[in-house]
Structures are given as structure tokens and as C-alpha cells.
Amino acid sequence: MNSPKSWGLQIDPGVLKTLKKIPRQNAEVILNVIRLLPLNPYFGDIQNMKNERRRR
């Protein structure tokens, strides 16, 4: 049986400071997505970097 991996997340204080400078509704959306990262760090629109091979 495989158990799901647990990822730690540390948010730089500068991120929170920057979120305070944008409209509250936008900041809340961004913060909610950040909170989901430990559950699935590959969530979202991930793209390979230019000239990089895809890893499996």
C-alpha cells in the first residue's frame, strides 16, 4: 500500500507582504492556490523550461 507523500511548505514573508499590495480578492485566490501546493505540488499549468527534457 502506498501512502500519499506529505510536502512541507514554507512561504517567504515577502510573498505575504506582496499579497497585501494587490486587491484582496486576487490575493485570496493566490493564497488558496499556495495552500494547495503541499497536497499536489504538480498542480496547475506546469510547463517544461526551454531546452529541458521532461522527467518522469
Protein backbone atom coordinates (compact mmCIF):
# COMPACT_ATOMS: atom_id res chain seq x y z
CA MET A 1 0.00 0.00 0.00
CA ASN A 2 1.34 3.42 -0.92
CA SER A 3 0.69 6.34 1.36
CA PRO A 4 0.49 9.84 -0.10
CA LYS A 5 3.59 11.96 0.27
CA SER A 6 3.44 14.87 2.63
CA TRP A 7 5.19 18.02 1.47
CA GLY A 8 6.22 20.89 3.70
CA LEU A 9 5.60 24.43 2.58
CA GLN A 10 7.45 27.50 3.77
CA ILE A 11 6.17 30.81 2.50
CA ASP A 12 8.68 33.62 2.33
CA PRO A 13 7.46 36.66 4.31
CA GLY A 14 7.98 38.73 1.17
CA VAL A 15 5.20 36.80 -0.53
CA LEU A 16 2.70 37.80 2.13
CA LYS A 17 3.93 41.38 2.00
CA THR A 18 3.42 41.44 -1.77
CA LEU A 19 -0.05 39.90 -1.47
CA LYS A 20 -1.07 42.82 0.75
CA LYS A 21 -0.31 45.20 -2.13
CA ILE A 22 -2.75 43.63 -4.60
CA PRO A 23 -6.57 43.60 -4.50
CA ARG A 24 -7.83 41.40 -1.67
CA GLN A 25 -9.88 39.11 -3.90
CA ASN A 26 -6.85 38.36 -6.11
CA ALA A 27 -4.63 37.83 -3.08
CA GLU A 28 -7.10 35.35 -1.59
CA VAL A 29 -7.18 33.33 -4.81
CA ILE A 30 -3.39 33.21 -4.94
CA LEU A 31 -3.09 32.29 -1.27
CA ASN A 32 -5.64 29.48 -1.68
CA VAL A 33 -3.61 28.01 -4.54
CA ILE A 34 -0.41 28.31 -2.49
CA ARG A 35 -2.11 26.40 0.33
CA LEU A 36 -2.91 23.55 -2.07
CA LEU A 37 0.74 23.07 -3.06
CA PRO A 38 1.62 20.62 -0.25
CA LEU A 39 -1.25 18.37 -1.36
CA ASN A 40 -0.19 18.32 -5.01
CA PRO A 41 2.97 20.28 -5.88
CA TYR A 42 2.47 19.50 -9.59
CA PHE A 43 -0.97 21.10 -9.72
CA GLY A 44 -1.60 23.79 -12.31
CA ASP A 45 -0.20 24.72 -15.66
CA ILE A 46 3.33 23.38 -15.34
CA GLN A 47 5.43 23.63 -18.48
CA ASN A 48 8.91 22.40 -19.26
CA MET A 49 11.62 25.02 -19.26
CA LYS A 50 13.13 25.86 -22.61
CA ASN A 51 15.72 23.27 -23.70
CA GLU A 52 14.88 20.98 -20.75
CA ARG A 53 13.76 17.37 -21.12
CA ARG A 54 10.67 16.11 -19.38
CA ARG A 55 11.49 13.98 -16.31
CA ARG A 56 9.42 11.05 -15.13
